[in-house]
N, C-alpha and C. Protein backbone atom coordinates (compact mmCIF):
# COMPACT_ATOMS: atom_id res chain seq x y z
N MET A 1 -7.59 21.85 -58.13
CA MET A 1 -6.25 21.48 -57.84
C MET A 1 -6.13 20.00 -58.05
N LYS A 2 -5.03 19.61 -58.67
CA LYS A 2 -4.78 18.21 -58.97
C LYS A 2 -3.79 17.62 -57.97
N ASN A 3 -4.06 16.37 -57.63
CA ASN A 3 -3.10 15.66 -56.67
C ASN A 3 -2.01 15.02 -57.45
N LEU A 4 -1.23 14.25 -56.80
CA LEU A 4 -0.10 13.59 -57.39
C LEU A 4 -0.43 12.66 -58.52
N PHE A 5 -1.68 12.11 -58.56
CA PHE A 5 -2.05 11.16 -59.60
C PHE A 5 -2.79 11.83 -60.71
N GLY A 6 -2.92 13.13 -60.68
CA GLY A 6 -3.63 13.85 -61.68
C GLY A 6 -5.14 13.96 -61.50
N ASP A 7 -5.61 13.46 -60.37
CA ASP A 7 -7.06 13.51 -60.10
C ASP A 7 -7.38 14.87 -59.47
N GLU A 8 -8.60 15.26 -59.77
CA GLU A 8 -9.08 16.55 -59.17
C GLU A 8 -9.36 16.32 -57.67
N GLU A 9 -8.97 17.21 -56.83
CA GLU A 9 -9.25 17.17 -55.39
C GLU A 9 -10.20 18.35 -55.07
N ALA A 10 -10.94 18.15 -54.06
CA ALA A 10 -11.82 19.19 -53.59
C ALA A 10 -10.92 20.24 -52.96
N SER A 11 -11.17 21.52 -53.34
CA SER A 11 -10.28 22.54 -52.87
C SER A 11 -10.52 22.84 -51.36
N GLU A 12 -11.68 22.59 -50.90
CA GLU A 12 -11.92 22.78 -49.49
C GLU A 12 -12.58 21.56 -48.87
N ARG A 13 -11.91 21.12 -47.79
CA ARG A 13 -12.47 19.96 -47.14
C ARG A 13 -13.12 20.44 -45.87
N LYS A 14 -14.24 19.82 -45.56
CA LYS A 14 -14.92 20.20 -44.32
C LYS A 14 -14.36 19.36 -43.15
N PRO A 15 -14.04 20.02 -42.09
CA PRO A 15 -13.50 19.21 -40.95
C PRO A 15 -14.53 18.24 -40.38
N ALA A 16 -14.03 17.13 -39.86
CA ALA A 16 -14.97 16.16 -39.26
C ALA A 16 -15.53 16.80 -38.04
N PRO A 17 -16.79 16.42 -37.69
CA PRO A 17 -17.40 17.00 -36.47
C PRO A 17 -16.65 16.52 -35.24
N ALA A 18 -16.52 17.40 -34.32
CA ALA A 18 -15.79 17.10 -33.05
C ALA A 18 -16.62 16.14 -32.21
N VAL A 19 -16.02 15.13 -31.60
CA VAL A 19 -16.71 14.14 -30.83
C VAL A 19 -16.25 14.44 -29.36
N HIS A 20 -17.27 14.81 -28.50
CA HIS A 20 -16.93 15.12 -27.13
C HIS A 20 -17.26 14.00 -26.15
N GLY A 21 -17.77 12.97 -26.61
CA GLY A 21 -18.17 11.86 -25.75
C GLY A 21 -17.00 11.30 -24.90
N GLY A 22 -15.82 11.20 -25.59
CA GLY A 22 -14.63 10.68 -24.92
C GLY A 22 -14.17 11.57 -23.80
N GLN A 23 -14.26 12.86 -24.00
CA GLN A 23 -13.82 13.77 -22.93
C GLN A 23 -14.77 13.70 -21.77
N GLU A 24 -16.04 13.54 -22.06
CA GLU A 24 -17.03 13.37 -20.98
C GLU A 24 -16.82 12.15 -20.19
N ARG A 25 -16.52 11.03 -20.86
CA ARG A 25 -16.22 9.79 -20.19
C ARG A 25 -14.97 9.87 -19.33
N ASP A 26 -13.92 10.57 -19.89
CA ASP A 26 -12.71 10.74 -19.09
C ASP A 26 -13.00 11.52 -17.85
N ARG A 27 -13.77 12.55 -17.93
CA ARG A 27 -14.10 13.36 -16.79
C ARG A 27 -14.76 12.58 -15.70
N HIS A 28 -15.78 11.74 -16.10
CA HIS A 28 -16.48 10.85 -15.15
C HIS A 28 -15.53 9.88 -14.53
N SER A 29 -14.62 9.30 -15.36
CA SER A 29 -13.63 8.32 -14.81
C SER A 29 -12.70 9.01 -13.76
N THR A 30 -12.22 10.22 -14.10
CA THR A 30 -11.40 10.97 -13.22
C THR A 30 -12.08 11.23 -11.87
N ASN A 31 -13.34 11.72 -11.95
CA ASN A 31 -14.12 11.94 -10.74
C ASN A 31 -14.30 10.66 -9.94
N ASP A 32 -14.63 9.57 -10.59
CA ASP A 32 -14.81 8.33 -9.97
C ASP A 32 -13.56 7.85 -9.23
N HIS A 33 -12.40 7.95 -9.91
CA HIS A 33 -11.14 7.59 -9.30
C HIS A 33 -10.84 8.43 -8.04
N ARG A 34 -11.05 9.76 -8.19
CA ARG A 34 -10.80 10.66 -7.10
C ARG A 34 -11.72 10.28 -5.89
N GLU A 35 -12.94 10.00 -6.08
CA GLU A 35 -13.82 9.67 -5.02
C GLU A 35 -13.49 8.29 -4.37
N ARG A 36 -13.11 7.40 -5.26
CA ARG A 36 -12.69 6.02 -4.68
C ARG A 36 -11.46 6.14 -3.84
N ILE A 37 -10.54 6.97 -4.27
CA ILE A 37 -9.31 7.17 -3.49
C ILE A 37 -9.65 7.89 -2.11
N PHE A 38 -10.45 8.90 -2.20
CA PHE A 38 -10.83 9.65 -0.98
C PHE A 38 -11.53 8.67 0.00
N ASN A 39 -12.47 7.89 -0.50
CA ASN A 39 -13.24 6.98 0.38
C ASN A 39 -12.34 5.94 1.02
N PHE A 40 -11.38 5.44 0.24
CA PHE A 40 -10.47 4.45 0.78
C PHE A 40 -9.60 5.03 1.86
N VAL A 41 -8.98 6.21 1.62
CA VAL A 41 -8.14 6.83 2.62
C VAL A 41 -8.98 7.18 3.82
N ARG A 42 -10.14 7.63 3.70
CA ARG A 42 -11.04 7.96 4.78
C ARG A 42 -11.35 6.65 5.61
N SER A 43 -11.54 5.53 4.95
CA SER A 43 -11.83 4.28 5.57
C SER A 43 -10.63 3.80 6.48
N GLN A 44 -9.49 4.28 6.21
CA GLN A 44 -8.27 3.88 6.97
C GLN A 44 -8.07 4.74 8.25
N GLY A 45 -8.94 5.75 8.40
CA GLY A 45 -8.93 6.52 9.66
C GLY A 45 -7.56 7.19 9.83
N ARG A 46 -7.14 7.27 11.13
CA ARG A 46 -5.90 7.92 11.48
C ARG A 46 -4.68 7.17 10.97
N HIS A 47 -4.83 5.88 10.68
CA HIS A 47 -3.79 5.04 10.15
C HIS A 47 -3.35 5.52 8.81
N GLY A 48 -4.30 5.96 8.01
CA GLY A 48 -4.02 6.55 6.69
C GLY A 48 -3.58 5.48 5.71
N ALA A 49 -3.02 5.94 4.57
CA ALA A 49 -2.64 5.01 3.47
C ALA A 49 -1.48 5.65 2.66
N THR A 50 -0.65 4.81 2.13
CA THR A 50 0.42 5.32 1.21
C THR A 50 -0.12 5.15 -0.19
N ASP A 51 0.61 5.68 -1.19
CA ASP A 51 0.20 5.48 -2.60
C ASP A 51 0.17 4.04 -2.94
N ALA A 52 1.13 3.23 -2.53
CA ALA A 52 1.15 1.84 -2.84
C ALA A 52 -0.02 1.08 -2.22
N GLU A 53 -0.40 1.43 -0.96
CA GLU A 53 -1.58 0.86 -0.37
C GLU A 53 -2.82 1.15 -1.05
N ILE A 54 -2.99 2.41 -1.53
CA ILE A 54 -4.18 2.83 -2.26
C ILE A 54 -4.27 2.05 -3.54
N GLN A 55 -3.14 1.96 -4.24
CA GLN A 55 -3.07 1.33 -5.58
C GLN A 55 -3.44 -0.16 -5.39
N ALA A 56 -2.89 -0.83 -4.36
CA ALA A 56 -3.20 -2.26 -4.17
C ALA A 56 -4.65 -2.50 -3.79
N ALA A 57 -5.17 -1.66 -2.93
CA ALA A 57 -6.52 -1.89 -2.42
C ALA A 57 -7.58 -1.59 -3.50
N LEU A 58 -7.31 -0.61 -4.30
CA LEU A 58 -8.28 -0.20 -5.35
C LEU A 58 -7.97 -0.81 -6.74
N ARG A 59 -6.93 -1.57 -6.81
CA ARG A 59 -6.44 -2.19 -8.06
C ARG A 59 -6.34 -1.12 -9.14
N MET A 60 -5.58 -0.12 -8.79
CA MET A 60 -5.43 1.07 -9.68
C MET A 60 -4.01 1.28 -10.00
N ASP A 61 -3.68 1.62 -11.22
CA ASP A 61 -2.32 1.90 -11.64
C ASP A 61 -1.83 3.20 -11.04
N GLY A 62 -0.53 3.26 -10.75
CA GLY A 62 0.01 4.48 -10.15
C GLY A 62 -0.17 5.69 -10.96
N ASN A 63 -0.20 5.58 -12.34
CA ASN A 63 -0.36 6.70 -13.16
C ASN A 63 -1.81 7.21 -13.10
N SER A 64 -2.69 6.48 -12.66
CA SER A 64 -4.09 6.90 -12.43
C SER A 64 -4.30 7.39 -11.04
N GLU A 65 -3.68 6.72 -10.08
CA GLU A 65 -3.87 7.08 -8.65
C GLU A 65 -3.20 8.37 -8.26
N ARG A 66 -1.96 8.50 -8.49
CA ARG A 66 -1.16 9.63 -7.99
C ARG A 66 -1.71 11.02 -8.43
N PRO A 67 -2.02 11.18 -9.73
CA PRO A 67 -2.59 12.47 -10.05
C PRO A 67 -3.89 12.85 -9.32
N ARG A 68 -4.72 11.82 -9.11
CA ARG A 68 -6.00 12.01 -8.43
C ARG A 68 -5.74 12.33 -6.92
N ARG A 69 -4.72 11.68 -6.32
CA ARG A 69 -4.40 11.93 -4.91
C ARG A 69 -3.86 13.30 -4.79
N ILE A 70 -3.03 13.75 -5.75
CA ILE A 70 -2.46 15.12 -5.71
C ILE A 70 -3.59 16.14 -5.87
N GLU A 71 -4.61 15.86 -6.70
CA GLU A 71 -5.69 16.75 -6.80
C GLU A 71 -6.48 16.87 -5.48
N LEU A 72 -6.65 15.71 -4.84
CA LEU A 72 -7.35 15.73 -3.53
C LEU A 72 -6.56 16.52 -2.50
N GLU A 73 -5.25 16.37 -2.57
CA GLU A 73 -4.37 17.14 -1.68
C GLU A 73 -4.47 18.60 -1.93
N SER A 74 -4.49 19.08 -3.21
CA SER A 74 -4.59 20.43 -3.50
C SER A 74 -5.95 21.01 -3.17
N GLN A 75 -6.95 20.17 -3.06
CA GLN A 75 -8.33 20.61 -2.67
C GLN A 75 -8.42 20.65 -1.11
N GLY A 76 -7.44 20.09 -0.42
CA GLY A 76 -7.43 20.06 1.01
C GLY A 76 -8.21 18.93 1.59
N ARG A 77 -8.66 17.94 0.83
CA ARG A 77 -9.42 16.80 1.30
C ARG A 77 -8.54 15.74 1.83
N ILE A 78 -7.30 15.63 1.31
CA ILE A 78 -6.33 14.68 1.78
C ILE A 78 -5.11 15.41 2.24
N VAL A 79 -4.50 14.98 3.32
CA VAL A 79 -3.34 15.71 3.89
C VAL A 79 -2.18 14.72 3.98
N ARG A 80 -1.01 15.17 3.53
CA ARG A 80 0.22 14.32 3.65
C ARG A 80 0.79 14.52 5.02
N THR A 81 0.96 13.41 5.75
CA THR A 81 1.48 13.50 7.12
C THR A 81 3.01 13.38 7.02
N SER A 82 3.66 13.54 8.16
CA SER A 82 5.14 13.42 8.26
C SER A 82 5.52 11.94 8.41
N ARG A 83 4.53 11.07 8.66
CA ARG A 83 4.80 9.66 8.84
C ARG A 83 5.15 8.93 7.57
N LYS A 84 5.93 7.86 7.66
CA LYS A 84 6.31 7.07 6.48
C LYS A 84 6.16 5.60 6.88
N ARG A 85 5.80 4.77 5.92
CA ARG A 85 5.80 3.33 6.10
C ARG A 85 6.58 2.60 5.01
N SER A 86 7.09 1.48 5.36
CA SER A 86 7.86 0.65 4.35
C SER A 86 6.90 0.03 3.38
N THR A 87 7.36 0.06 2.15
CA THR A 87 6.62 -0.63 1.05
C THR A 87 7.18 -2.03 0.89
N ASP A 88 6.57 -2.79 -0.02
CA ASP A 88 7.04 -4.15 -0.28
C ASP A 88 8.42 -4.16 -0.81
N SER A 89 8.82 -3.12 -1.53
CA SER A 89 10.14 -3.00 -2.10
C SER A 89 11.17 -2.54 -1.08
N GLY A 90 10.75 -2.18 0.10
CA GLY A 90 11.67 -1.73 1.14
C GLY A 90 11.84 -0.25 1.20
N HIS A 91 11.24 0.49 0.33
CA HIS A 91 11.31 1.97 0.37
C HIS A 91 10.34 2.53 1.38
N HIS A 92 10.56 3.77 1.79
CA HIS A 92 9.66 4.41 2.71
C HIS A 92 8.73 5.32 1.97
N ALA A 93 7.46 5.19 2.21
CA ALA A 93 6.44 5.98 1.50
C ALA A 93 5.66 6.84 2.51
N ARG A 94 5.28 8.07 2.01
CA ARG A 94 4.52 8.94 2.86
C ARG A 94 3.11 8.39 3.10
N VAL A 95 2.61 8.75 4.30
CA VAL A 95 1.24 8.31 4.64
C VAL A 95 0.35 9.52 4.48
N TYR A 96 -0.87 9.25 3.89
CA TYR A 96 -1.86 10.29 3.69
C TYR A 96 -3.14 9.92 4.50
N VAL A 97 -3.73 10.98 5.02
CA VAL A 97 -5.05 10.87 5.75
C VAL A 97 -5.97 11.88 5.19
N THR A 98 -7.27 11.68 5.50
CA THR A 98 -8.22 12.69 5.11
C THR A 98 -8.13 13.88 6.13
N ALA A 99 -8.61 15.03 5.70
CA ALA A 99 -8.47 16.23 6.53
C ALA A 99 -9.08 16.04 7.93
N GLU A 100 -10.13 15.28 8.04
CA GLU A 100 -10.81 15.07 9.33
C GLU A 100 -9.96 14.38 10.34
N PHE A 101 -9.01 13.53 9.84
CA PHE A 101 -8.13 12.74 10.72
C PHE A 101 -6.76 13.39 10.81
N ALA A 102 -6.49 14.49 10.13
CA ALA A 102 -5.20 15.09 10.09
C ALA A 102 -4.86 15.81 11.44
N ARG A 103 -5.82 16.25 12.19
CA ARG A 103 -5.55 16.92 13.47
C ARG A 103 -5.13 15.92 14.51
N ASN A 104 -4.19 16.31 15.31
CA ASN A 104 -3.79 15.56 16.51
C ASN A 104 -3.25 14.14 16.18
N ILE A 105 -2.55 13.99 15.10
CA ILE A 105 -1.94 12.67 14.83
C ILE A 105 -0.53 12.73 15.40
N PRO A 106 -0.27 11.83 16.39
CA PRO A 106 1.06 11.82 16.97
C PRO A 106 2.08 11.49 15.87
N GLU A 107 3.28 12.10 16.03
CA GLU A 107 4.30 11.96 15.09
C GLU A 107 4.77 10.52 14.87
N LYS A 108 4.77 9.72 15.91
CA LYS A 108 5.23 8.31 15.82
C LYS A 108 4.06 7.31 15.82
N THR A 109 2.87 7.72 15.39
CA THR A 109 1.82 6.79 15.31
C THR A 109 2.07 5.69 14.34
N ARG A 110 1.95 4.44 14.75
CA ARG A 110 2.16 3.30 13.90
C ARG A 110 1.08 2.28 14.19
N GLY A 111 0.95 1.33 13.28
CA GLY A 111 0.06 0.18 13.60
C GLY A 111 -1.10 0.04 12.69
N VAL A 112 -1.96 -0.88 13.07
CA VAL A 112 -3.13 -1.18 12.26
C VAL A 112 -4.19 -0.12 12.48
N PRO A 113 -5.15 -0.02 11.54
CA PRO A 113 -6.18 0.98 11.72
C PRO A 113 -6.92 0.84 13.07
N LEU A 114 -7.37 1.95 13.59
CA LEU A 114 -8.04 1.92 14.89
C LEU A 114 -9.39 1.21 14.79
N ALA A 115 -9.74 0.51 15.82
CA ALA A 115 -10.98 -0.20 15.87
C ALA A 115 -12.14 0.75 15.62
N GLY A 116 -13.04 0.34 14.73
CA GLY A 116 -14.24 1.15 14.50
C GLY A 116 -14.01 2.21 13.48
N SER A 117 -12.84 2.36 12.91
CA SER A 117 -12.53 3.44 11.94
C SER A 117 -12.80 2.97 10.48
N GLN A 118 -13.09 1.68 10.30
CA GLN A 118 -13.40 1.20 8.97
C GLN A 118 -14.82 0.78 8.74
N GLY A 119 -15.24 1.05 7.53
CA GLY A 119 -16.62 0.54 7.10
C GLY A 119 -16.32 -0.75 6.37
N ALA A 120 -17.09 -0.95 5.31
CA ALA A 120 -16.86 -2.13 4.49
C ALA A 120 -15.51 -2.05 3.86
N LEU A 121 -14.76 -3.14 3.83
CA LEU A 121 -13.42 -3.16 3.33
C LEU A 121 -13.48 -3.36 1.82
N PRO A 122 -12.70 -2.53 1.01
CA PRO A 122 -12.67 -2.72 -0.41
C PRO A 122 -11.76 -3.94 -0.71
N PRO A 123 -11.80 -4.39 -1.96
CA PRO A 123 -10.98 -5.55 -2.36
C PRO A 123 -9.46 -5.22 -2.09
N GLY A 124 -8.76 -6.15 -1.53
CA GLY A 124 -7.35 -5.97 -1.25
C GLY A 124 -7.05 -5.38 0.10
N ALA A 125 -8.06 -4.88 0.81
CA ALA A 125 -7.82 -4.22 2.12
C ALA A 125 -7.47 -5.24 3.18
N VAL A 126 -7.96 -6.48 3.12
CA VAL A 126 -7.60 -7.50 4.06
C VAL A 126 -6.13 -7.79 3.97
N ARG A 127 -5.63 -7.90 2.75
CA ARG A 127 -4.20 -8.10 2.53
C ARG A 127 -3.39 -6.95 3.09
N GLN A 128 -3.89 -5.77 2.91
CA GLN A 128 -3.23 -4.56 3.38
C GLN A 128 -3.20 -4.57 4.89
N ASN A 129 -4.31 -4.98 5.58
CA ASN A 129 -4.29 -4.99 7.00
C ASN A 129 -3.30 -6.02 7.56
N GLU A 130 -3.15 -7.13 6.83
CA GLU A 130 -2.17 -8.11 7.17
C GLU A 130 -0.76 -7.52 7.08
N ARG A 131 -0.54 -6.71 6.04
CA ARG A 131 0.73 -6.09 5.80
C ARG A 131 1.00 -5.10 6.97
N SER A 132 -0.10 -4.36 7.33
CA SER A 132 0.10 -3.40 8.43
C SER A 132 0.39 -4.13 9.72
N ALA A 133 -0.18 -5.31 9.97
CA ALA A 133 0.04 -6.10 11.14
C ALA A 133 1.48 -6.53 11.20
N ASN A 134 2.03 -6.96 10.02
CA ASN A 134 3.45 -7.35 9.90
C ASN A 134 4.38 -6.18 10.31
N ILE A 135 4.02 -5.01 9.77
CA ILE A 135 4.81 -3.85 10.06
C ILE A 135 4.78 -3.56 11.55
N GLU A 136 3.56 -3.61 12.18
CA GLU A 136 3.40 -3.36 13.58
C GLU A 136 4.25 -4.40 14.45
N ARG A 137 4.21 -5.67 14.01
CA ARG A 137 5.03 -6.68 14.73
C ARG A 137 6.51 -6.42 14.62
N GLU A 138 6.93 -5.99 13.45
CA GLU A 138 8.35 -5.66 13.23
C GLU A 138 8.71 -4.53 14.12
N TRP A 139 7.87 -3.55 14.24
CA TRP A 139 8.16 -2.34 15.08
C TRP A 139 8.21 -2.76 16.53
N GLN A 140 7.26 -3.59 17.01
CA GLN A 140 7.23 -3.97 18.39
C GLN A 140 8.26 -4.99 18.82
N PHE A 141 8.54 -5.98 17.94
CA PHE A 141 9.29 -7.12 18.42
C PHE A 141 10.59 -7.33 17.55
N GLY A 142 10.78 -6.57 16.54
CA GLY A 142 11.93 -6.77 15.58
C GLY A 142 13.26 -6.59 16.30
N GLU A 143 13.42 -5.54 17.10
CA GLU A 143 14.65 -5.23 17.77
C GLU A 143 14.98 -6.36 18.82
N LYS A 144 13.91 -6.84 19.49
CA LYS A 144 14.11 -7.86 20.46
C LYS A 144 14.59 -9.16 19.74
N LEU A 145 13.98 -9.48 18.65
CA LEU A 145 14.38 -10.64 17.88
C LEU A 145 15.80 -10.60 17.45
N ASP A 146 16.23 -9.37 17.05
CA ASP A 146 17.58 -9.17 16.55
C ASP A 146 18.62 -9.41 17.67
N THR A 147 18.20 -9.22 18.96
CA THR A 147 19.15 -9.36 20.09
C THR A 147 19.15 -10.78 20.62
N PHE A 148 18.28 -11.66 20.20
CA PHE A 148 18.20 -13.00 20.70
C PHE A 148 19.55 -13.75 20.41
N ALA A 149 19.90 -14.56 21.35
CA ALA A 149 21.06 -15.46 21.18
C ALA A 149 20.67 -16.54 20.21
N VAL A 150 21.68 -17.26 19.68
CA VAL A 150 21.40 -18.30 18.74
C VAL A 150 20.50 -19.42 19.27
N GLU A 151 20.65 -19.73 20.57
CA GLU A 151 19.86 -20.79 21.16
C GLU A 151 18.39 -20.36 21.27
N GLU A 152 18.17 -19.10 21.55
CA GLU A 152 16.75 -18.60 21.62
C GLU A 152 16.11 -18.63 20.26
N ILE A 153 16.88 -18.19 19.22
CA ILE A 153 16.34 -18.22 17.85
C ILE A 153 16.02 -19.69 17.49
N GLU A 154 16.91 -20.62 17.77
CA GLU A 154 16.68 -22.01 17.41
C GLU A 154 15.44 -22.60 18.13
N LEU A 155 15.25 -22.21 19.34
CA LEU A 155 14.10 -22.64 20.10
C LEU A 155 12.81 -22.08 19.53
N LEU A 156 12.81 -20.81 19.19
CA LEU A 156 11.65 -20.17 18.55
C LEU A 156 11.41 -20.76 17.14
N ALA A 157 12.48 -20.98 16.42
CA ALA A 157 12.31 -21.59 15.07
C ALA A 157 11.76 -23.00 15.16
N SER A 158 12.18 -23.75 16.12
CA SER A 158 11.68 -25.14 16.19
C SER A 158 10.19 -25.16 16.59
N SER A 159 9.73 -24.17 17.32
CA SER A 159 8.30 -24.09 17.68
C SER A 159 7.47 -23.56 16.46
N ALA A 160 8.14 -22.74 15.63
CA ALA A 160 7.43 -22.12 14.48
C ALA A 160 7.38 -23.03 13.22
N PHE A 161 8.48 -23.74 13.10
CA PHE A 161 8.70 -24.54 11.85
C PHE A 161 8.92 -26.05 12.24
N PRO A 162 7.90 -26.90 12.01
CA PRO A 162 8.08 -28.32 12.33
C PRO A 162 9.24 -28.92 11.55
N GLY A 163 10.06 -29.64 12.17
CA GLY A 163 11.13 -30.23 11.41
C GLY A 163 12.43 -29.38 11.39
N TRP A 164 12.41 -28.26 12.13
CA TRP A 164 13.55 -27.38 12.12
C TRP A 164 14.69 -28.06 12.82
N PRO A 165 15.91 -28.00 12.41
CA PRO A 165 16.49 -27.38 11.19
C PRO A 165 16.62 -28.37 10.03
N SER A 166 16.45 -29.62 10.28
CA SER A 166 16.71 -30.63 9.24
C SER A 166 15.80 -30.42 7.98
N ALA A 167 14.61 -29.96 8.16
CA ALA A 167 13.70 -29.79 7.01
C ALA A 167 14.17 -28.61 6.10
N PHE A 168 14.98 -27.73 6.65
CA PHE A 168 15.40 -26.58 5.87
C PHE A 168 16.71 -26.76 5.07
N GLY A 169 17.44 -27.78 5.50
CA GLY A 169 18.75 -28.02 4.80
C GLY A 169 19.83 -27.55 5.71
N ARG A 170 21.05 -27.91 5.35
CA ARG A 170 22.21 -27.62 6.17
C ARG A 170 22.64 -26.18 6.10
N ASP A 171 22.25 -25.44 5.07
CA ASP A 171 22.67 -24.05 4.97
C ASP A 171 21.87 -23.11 5.85
N TRP A 172 20.80 -23.62 6.46
CA TRP A 172 19.96 -22.70 7.30
C TRP A 172 20.49 -22.70 8.73
N THR A 173 20.79 -21.57 9.17
CA THR A 173 21.28 -21.35 10.58
C THR A 173 20.23 -20.41 11.27
N ALA A 174 20.48 -20.17 12.51
CA ALA A 174 19.69 -19.21 13.25
C ALA A 174 19.73 -17.87 12.59
N ASP A 175 20.87 -17.44 12.06
CA ASP A 175 20.99 -16.10 11.47
C ASP A 175 20.28 -16.04 10.15
N THR A 176 20.33 -17.12 9.33
CA THR A 176 19.64 -17.11 8.06
C THR A 176 18.15 -17.10 8.20
N VAL A 177 17.61 -17.86 9.21
CA VAL A 177 16.17 -17.90 9.37
C VAL A 177 15.70 -16.54 9.94
N ARG A 178 16.53 -15.88 10.78
CA ARG A 178 16.20 -14.58 11.31
C ARG A 178 16.21 -13.53 10.24
N SER A 179 17.04 -13.66 9.29
CA SER A 179 17.15 -12.64 8.23
C SER A 179 16.23 -12.86 7.02
N ASP A 180 15.79 -14.13 6.81
CA ASP A 180 14.85 -14.43 5.73
C ASP A 180 13.53 -13.68 5.88
N LYS A 181 13.05 -12.99 4.90
CA LYS A 181 11.83 -12.14 5.04
C LYS A 181 10.63 -12.93 5.58
N VAL A 182 10.36 -14.01 4.94
CA VAL A 182 9.14 -14.86 5.28
C VAL A 182 9.34 -15.48 6.65
N CYS A 183 10.50 -16.15 6.87
CA CYS A 183 10.74 -16.76 8.18
C CYS A 183 10.71 -15.74 9.28
N ARG A 184 11.25 -14.57 9.03
CA ARG A 184 11.22 -13.51 10.08
C ARG A 184 9.84 -13.12 10.47
N ARG A 185 8.92 -13.06 9.46
CA ARG A 185 7.50 -12.72 9.76
C ARG A 185 6.90 -13.77 10.70
N VAL A 186 7.19 -15.05 10.42
CA VAL A 186 6.65 -16.13 11.21
C VAL A 186 7.23 -16.07 12.63
N LEU A 187 8.51 -15.84 12.69
CA LEU A 187 9.17 -15.68 14.02
C LEU A 187 8.61 -14.59 14.86
N LEU A 188 8.35 -13.46 14.20
CA LEU A 188 7.77 -12.27 14.90
C LEU A 188 6.37 -12.65 15.40
N LEU A 189 5.60 -13.33 14.56
CA LEU A 189 4.28 -13.75 14.99
C LEU A 189 4.33 -14.71 16.17
N LYS A 190 5.23 -15.64 16.16
CA LYS A 190 5.37 -16.54 17.29
C LYS A 190 5.83 -15.76 18.56
N LEU A 191 6.74 -14.84 18.34
CA LEU A 191 7.16 -14.06 19.46
C LEU A 191 6.07 -13.22 20.07
N GLN A 192 5.22 -12.62 19.22
CA GLN A 192 4.03 -11.87 19.70
C GLN A 192 3.09 -12.79 20.46
N GLN A 193 2.82 -13.99 19.95
CA GLN A 193 1.96 -14.92 20.58
C GLN A 193 2.50 -15.32 21.94
N ARG A 194 3.77 -15.47 22.00
CA ARG A 194 4.42 -15.91 23.24
C ARG A 194 4.39 -14.78 24.32
N GLU A 195 4.52 -13.55 23.88
CA GLU A 195 4.60 -12.39 24.79
C GLU A 195 3.28 -11.83 25.13
N GLN A 196 2.34 -11.97 24.28
CA GLN A 196 0.98 -11.42 24.48
C GLN A 196 -0.03 -12.55 24.70
N PRO A 197 -0.54 -12.74 25.90
CA PRO A 197 -1.42 -13.87 26.12
C PRO A 197 -2.73 -13.73 25.35
């Protein structure tokens, strides 16, 4: 048979041999991701973890983490609870725990992981624990902070921020400092320190 240029072509081509090394590597990577996710969620104890928390702690892309977490769920190793936690973007995300911690979890359980429930912390877990502490403070003291009078907010802000209010500029009021995300976290921390000896 001749090709477009008039050259003779081989009538039968042998297919290239199949290479299975990539599939084997992918299978090992999948198993590794699955076990890393399981071990991290287990390390969080009854506190559990959301998809975003797992991704941050393990430095894993969502497209790699979610399918492995779903597989663990279908195997019964991880359980989706009815609890939700706020993410950095303000959305509410489901909390997952390992099957051993799924029993007897109170519906309204919130807060940082229970003492003694963690082994060695993976990278990013310290940041996650700080995030959990911020969520716990918001849950405990947020409503109280929102009911404070302007004078109480100004007093709290002056103890939290040296130079308040002149250092912040004239546009900063008690309401703006209370509603600013970062300032609110600091105010909640000060309130917690004041109320809990």
